[in-house]
Amino acid sequence: MIFGNVDHLDGGEYLTDRIRECLSYAKEHDLSGFEKGTHEIDGDELFVNIVEYSTTNAEDRFWEAHKKYLDLHLMLDGNEQIDLGFVHSMSTEEYVEKDDFLPMKGEKNSSVILTNGDFLVCYPNDAHRTAVAVDQPEKIKKAIFKIRIA
């Protein structure tokens, strides 16, 4: 997991080329003006999903991880808590290959709160539960970059 803010990267030498490419893309394009849906950057190797939804209680959300793609969540508008854990400490369910979706159940180890400009990179071993309300439910808009790794 990597947690940061697009305006405070200090060079970002620790980031992979693809992660830096996503953050550069976000700085060069007004993602808040993008329509909801999938927007190709480099075919199925790199693309961004623009999503809008309302946050809710953690109990109403699900845990997930991915095997083929890294997720880079970038908050465009609003506040969202993302709970974090490790896949090895979760009870995993059947992997859905066509959606690159590994559902699971378990308890969080920690959480982060994304505000405008914050980003979170989730690796294959990072279980994450998104759309958790910070104080109260609110509508958010964010970009989720999908970076192919397998």
C-alpha atoms as a PDB file:
ATOM      1  CA  MET A   1       0.000   0.000   0.000  1.00  0.00           C
ATOM      2  CA  ILE A   2       1.123   3.545  -0.741  1.00  0.00           C
ATOM      3  CA  PHE A   3      -0.775   6.538   0.653  1.00  0.00           C
ATOM      4  CA  GLY A   4       0.035  10.035  -0.561  1.00  0.00           C
ATOM      5  CA  ASN A   5      -1.138  13.279  -2.080  1.00  0.00           C
ATOM      6  CA  VAL A   6      -0.588  14.429  -5.659  1.00  0.00           C
ATOM      7  CA  ASP A   7       0.647  17.834  -4.493  1.00  0.00           C
ATOM      8  CA  HIS A   8       3.241  16.431  -2.054  1.00  0.00           C
ATOM      9  CA  LEU A   9       5.241  13.759  -3.845  1.00  0.00           C
ATOM     10  CA  ASP A  10       8.731  15.158  -3.207  1.00  0.00           C
ATOM     11  CA  GLY A  11       9.883  13.766  -6.546  1.00  0.00           C
ATOM     12  CA  GLY A  12       8.189  10.415  -6.056  1.00  0.00           C
ATOM     13  CA  GLU A  13      11.380   8.417  -6.694  1.00  0.00           C
ATOM     14  CA  TYR A  14       9.903   5.531  -4.717  1.00  0.00           C
ATOM     15  CA  LEU A  15       6.965   5.210  -7.139  1.00  0.00           C
ATOM     16  CA  THR A  16       6.997   2.894 -10.148  1.00  0.00           C
ATOM     17  CA  ASP A  17       6.960   4.408 -13.626  1.00  0.00           C
ATOM     18  CA  ARG A  18       3.324   3.345 -14.131  1.00  0.00           C
ATOM     19  CA  ILE A  19       2.197   4.919 -10.850  1.00  0.00           C
ATOM     20  CA  ARG A  20       4.000   8.152 -11.750  1.00  0.00           C
ATOM     21  CA  GLU A  21       2.338   7.975 -15.181  1.00  0.00           C
ATOM     22  CA  CYS A  22      -1.093   7.818 -13.512  1.00  0.00           C
ATOM     23  CA  LEU A  23      -0.342  10.763 -11.252  1.00  0.00           C
ATOM     24  CA  SER A  24       1.010  12.782 -14.194  1.00  0.00           C
ATOM     25  CA  TYR A  25      -2.103  11.915 -16.188  1.00  0.00           C
ATOM     26  CA  ALA A  26      -4.233  13.172 -13.310  1.00  0.00           C
ATOM     27  CA  LYS A  27      -2.314  16.457 -13.176  1.00  0.00           C
ATOM     28  CA  GLU A  28      -2.534  16.946 -16.964  1.00  0.00           C
ATOM     29  CA  HIS A  29      -6.256  16.154 -17.254  1.00  0.00           C
ATOM     30  CA  ASP A  30      -9.236  17.558 -15.362  1.00  0.00           C
ATOM     31  CA  LEU A  31     -10.527  14.194 -14.145  1.00  0.00           C
ATOM     32  CA  SER A  32     -13.298  15.871 -12.162  1.00  0.00           C
ATOM     33  CA  GLY A  33     -14.812  16.820 -15.536  1.00  0.00           C
ATOM     34  CA  PHE A  34     -14.679  13.240 -16.878  1.00  0.00           C
ATOM     35  CA  GLU A  35     -17.938  11.332 -17.176  1.00  0.00           C
ATOM     36  CA  LYS A  36     -18.468   8.252 -15.035  1.00  0.00           C
ATOM     37  CA  GLY A  37     -17.142   5.099 -16.655  1.00  0.00           C
ATOM     38  CA  THR A  38     -13.946   3.617 -18.048  1.00  0.00           C
ATOM     39  CA  HIS A  39     -11.423   5.771 -19.921  1.00  0.00           C
ATOM     40  CA  GLU A  40      -8.563   4.041 -21.744  1.00  0.00           C
ATOM     41  CA  ILE A  41      -5.026   5.336 -21.403  1.00  0.00           C
ATOM     42  CA  ASP A  42      -3.029   2.349 -22.702  1.00  0.00           C
ATOM     43  CA  GLY A  43      -5.653  -0.247 -23.625  1.00  0.00           C
ATOM     44  CA  ASP A  44      -6.144  -2.888 -20.927  1.00  0.00           C
ATOM     45  CA  GLU A  45      -2.636  -2.221 -19.578  1.00  0.00           C
ATOM     46  CA  LEU A  46      -3.634   1.085 -17.984  1.00  0.00           C
ATOM     47  CA  PHE A  47      -7.021   2.747 -17.733  1.00  0.00           C
ATOM     48  CA  VAL A  48      -9.028   4.838 -15.293  1.00  0.00           C
ATOM     49  CA  ASN A  49     -12.515   4.279 -13.943  1.00  0.00           C
ATOM     50  CA  ILE A  50     -14.352   7.413 -12.869  1.00  0.00           C
ATOM     51  CA  VAL A  51     -16.863   6.584 -10.156  1.00  0.00           C
ATOM     52  CA  GLU A  52     -19.420   8.485  -8.110  1.00  0.00           C
ATOM     53  CA  TYR A  53     -21.212   6.999  -5.134  1.00  0.00           C
ATOM     54  CA  SER A  54     -22.339   7.679  -1.597  1.00  0.00           C
ATOM     55  CA  THR A  55     -20.285   6.459   1.317  1.00  0.00           C
ATOM     56  CA  THR A  56     -21.975   4.343   3.978  1.00  0.00           C
ATOM     57  CA  ASN A  57     -21.386   2.236   7.091  1.00  0.00           C
ATOM     58  CA  ALA A  58     -18.503  -0.248   7.011  1.00  0.00           C
ATOM     59  CA  GLU A  59     -20.925  -3.100   7.813  1.00  0.00           C
ATOM     60  CA  ASP A  60     -22.700  -2.444   4.500  1.00  0.00           C
ATOM     61  CA  ARG A  61     -19.509  -2.747   2.446  1.00  0.00           C
ATOM     62  CA  PHE A  62     -17.369  -5.657   1.222  1.00  0.00           C
ATOM     63  CA  TRP A  63     -13.677  -6.536   1.189  1.00  0.00           C
ATOM     64  CA  GLU A  64     -11.817  -7.025  -2.090  1.00  0.00           C
ATOM     65  CA  ALA A  65      -8.402  -7.492  -3.666  1.00  0.00           C
ATOM     66  CA  HIS A  66      -7.123  -7.946  -7.211  1.00  0.00           C
ATOM     67  CA  LYS A  67      -4.584 -10.251  -8.843  1.00  0.00           C
ATOM     68  CA  LYS A  68      -4.109  -8.726 -12.332  1.00  0.00           C
ATOM     69  CA  TYR A  69      -4.239  -5.006 -11.551  1.00  0.00           C
ATOM     70  CA  LEU A  70      -3.018  -2.531  -8.991  1.00  0.00           C
ATOM     71  CA  ASP A  71      -5.656  -0.050  -7.896  1.00  0.00           C
ATOM     72  CA  LEU A  72      -4.698   3.582  -7.566  1.00  0.00           C
ATOM     73  CA  HIS A  73      -7.613   5.395  -5.889  1.00  0.00           C
ATOM     74  CA  LEU A  74      -7.451   9.175  -6.370  1.00  0.00           C
ATOM     75  CA  MET A  75     -10.034  11.336  -4.596  1.00  0.00           C
ATOM     76  CA  LEU A  76     -11.511  14.035  -6.809  1.00  0.00           C
ATOM     77  CA  ASP A  77     -14.319  15.342  -4.583  1.00  0.00           C
ATOM     78  CA  GLY A  78     -15.375  14.376  -1.082  1.00  0.00           C
ATOM     79  CA  ASN A  79     -14.059  12.301   1.794  1.00  0.00           C
ATOM     80  CA  GLU A  80     -13.888   8.527   1.988  1.00  0.00           C
ATOM     81  CA  GLN A  81     -12.487   6.060   4.472  1.00  0.00           C
ATOM     82  CA  ILE A  82     -10.851   2.985   2.989  1.00  0.00           C
ATOM     83  CA  ASP A  83     -10.301   0.149   5.427  1.00  0.00           C
ATOM     84  CA  LEU A  84      -7.196  -1.960   4.922  1.00  0.00           C
ATOM     85  CA  GLY A  85      -6.060  -5.455   5.758  1.00  0.00           C
ATOM     86  CA  PHE A  86      -3.946  -8.220   4.315  1.00  0.00           C
ATOM     87  CA  VAL A  87      -5.309 -10.947   2.087  1.00  0.00           C
ATOM     88  CA  HIS A  88      -3.427 -13.613   4.072  1.00  0.00           C
ATOM     89  CA  SER A  89      -5.342 -12.658   7.228  1.00  0.00           C
ATOM     90  CA  MET A  90      -8.758 -12.739   5.525  1.00  0.00           C
ATOM     91  CA  SER A  91     -11.138 -15.529   4.698  1.00  0.00           C
ATOM     92  CA  THR A  92     -11.116 -15.459   0.891  1.00  0.00           C
ATOM     93  CA  GLU A  93     -13.971 -16.483  -1.332  1.00  0.00           C
ATOM     94  CA  GLU A  94     -13.889 -17.631  -4.964  1.00  0.00           C
ATOM     95  CA  TYR A  95     -11.834 -15.394  -7.265  1.00  0.00           C
ATOM     96  CA  VAL A  96     -13.824 -13.950 -10.192  1.00  0.00           C
ATOM     97  CA  GLU A  97     -11.203 -13.904 -12.950  1.00  0.00           C
ATOM     98  CA  LYS A  98     -13.202 -11.965 -15.572  1.00  0.00           C
ATOM     99  CA  ASP A  99     -13.644  -9.088 -13.093  1.00  0.00           C
ATOM    100  CA  ASP A 100     -10.254  -9.529 -11.362  1.00  0.00           C
ATOM    101  CA  PHE A 101     -12.184  -9.572  -8.103  1.00  0.00           C
ATOM    102  CA  LEU A 102     -11.248 -11.507  -4.979  1.00  0.00           C
ATOM    103  CA  PRO A 103     -14.010 -11.124  -2.377  1.00  0.00           C
ATOM    104  CA  MET A 104     -13.216 -11.870   1.239  1.00  0.00           C
ATOM    105  CA  LYS A 105     -14.286 -11.399   4.822  1.00  0.00           C
ATOM    106  CA  GLY A 106     -12.270 -10.263   7.782  1.00  0.00           C
ATOM    107  CA  GLU A 107     -11.311  -7.414  10.060  1.00  0.00           C
ATOM    108  CA  LYS A 108      -9.404  -4.248   9.263  1.00  0.00           C
ATOM    109  CA  ASN A 109      -5.840  -3.664  10.362  1.00  0.00           C
ATOM    110  CA  SER A 110      -6.023   0.057   9.668  1.00  0.00           C
ATOM    111  CA  SER A 111      -7.733   2.641   7.515  1.00  0.00           C
ATOM    112  CA  VAL A 112      -6.974   5.817   5.601  1.00  0.00           C
ATOM    113  CA  ILE A 113      -9.151   8.794   4.847  1.00  0.00           C
ATOM    114  CA  LEU A 114      -8.917  10.146   1.326  1.00  0.00           C
ATOM    115  CA  THR A 115      -9.647  13.833   0.780  1.00  0.00           C
ATOM    116  CA  ASN A 116      -9.243  15.802  -2.437  1.00  0.00           C
ATOM    117  CA  GLY A 117      -5.888  15.011  -4.067  1.00  0.00           C
ATOM    118  CA  ASP A 118      -5.097  12.048  -1.828  1.00  0.00           C
ATOM    119  CA  PHE A 119      -4.293   8.714  -3.431  1.00  0.00           C
ATOM    120  CA  LEU A 120      -4.007   5.133  -2.264  1.00  0.00           C
ATOM    121  CA  VAL A 121      -2.261   2.356  -4.187  1.00  0.00           C
ATOM    122  CA  CYS A 122      -3.449  -1.162  -3.334  1.00  0.00           C
ATOM    123  CA  TYR A 123      -1.254  -4.124  -4.289  1.00  0.00           C
ATOM    124  CA  PRO A 124      -2.480  -7.734  -4.705  1.00  0.00           C
ATOM    125  CA  ASN A 125      -1.866  -8.535  -1.025  1.00  0.00           C
ATOM    126  CA  ASP A 126      -3.741  -5.435   0.153  1.00  0.00           C
ATOM    127  CA  ALA A 127      -7.338  -6.188   1.065  1.00  0.00           C
ATOM    128  CA  HIS A 128      -9.424  -3.034   0.914  1.00  0.00           C
ATOM    129  CA  ARG A 129     -12.975  -1.989   1.770  1.00  0.00           C
ATOM    130  CA  THR A 130     -14.007   1.215   0.041  1.00  0.00           C
ATOM    131  CA  ALA A 131     -16.933   3.643   0.355  1.00  0.00           C
ATOM    132  CA  VAL A 132     -16.868   3.848   4.150  1.00  0.00           C
ATOM    133  CA  ALA A 133     -18.297   7.112   5.485  1.00  0.00           C
ATOM    134  CA  VAL A 134     -15.910   9.310   7.456  1.00  0.00           C
ATOM    135  CA  ASP A 135     -18.412  11.095   9.742  1.00  0.00           C
ATOM    136  CA  GLN A 136     -21.632  10.756   7.834  1.00  0.00           C
ATOM    137  CA  PRO A 137     -22.573   9.452   4.391  1.00  0.00           C
ATOM    138  CA  GLU A 138     -21.666  11.772   1.526  1.00  0.00           C
ATOM    139  CA  LYS A 139     -21.478  11.626  -2.237  1.00  0.00           C
ATOM    140  CA  ILE A 140     -17.941  11.361  -3.592  1.00  0.00           C
ATOM    141  CA  LYS A 141     -16.239  11.308  -6.976  1.00  0.00           C
ATOM    142  CA  LYS A 142     -12.935   9.578  -7.510  1.00  0.00           C
ATOM    143  CA  ALA A 143     -10.678   8.097 -10.156  1.00  0.00           C
ATOM    144  CA  ILE A 144      -9.532   4.495  -9.860  1.00  0.00           C
ATOM    145  CA  PHE A 145      -6.551   3.832 -12.099  1.00  0.00           C
ATOM    146  CA  LYS A 146      -6.090   0.177 -13.009  1.00  0.00           C
ATOM    147  CA  ILE A 147      -2.446  -0.751 -13.645  1.00  0.00           C
ATOM    148  CA  ARG A 148      -1.938  -4.218 -15.162  1.00  0.00           C
ATOM    149  CA  ILE A 149       0.701  -6.329 -13.410  1.00  0.00           C
ATOM    150  CA  ALA A 150      -0.145  -9.848 -14.630  1.00  0.00           C
END
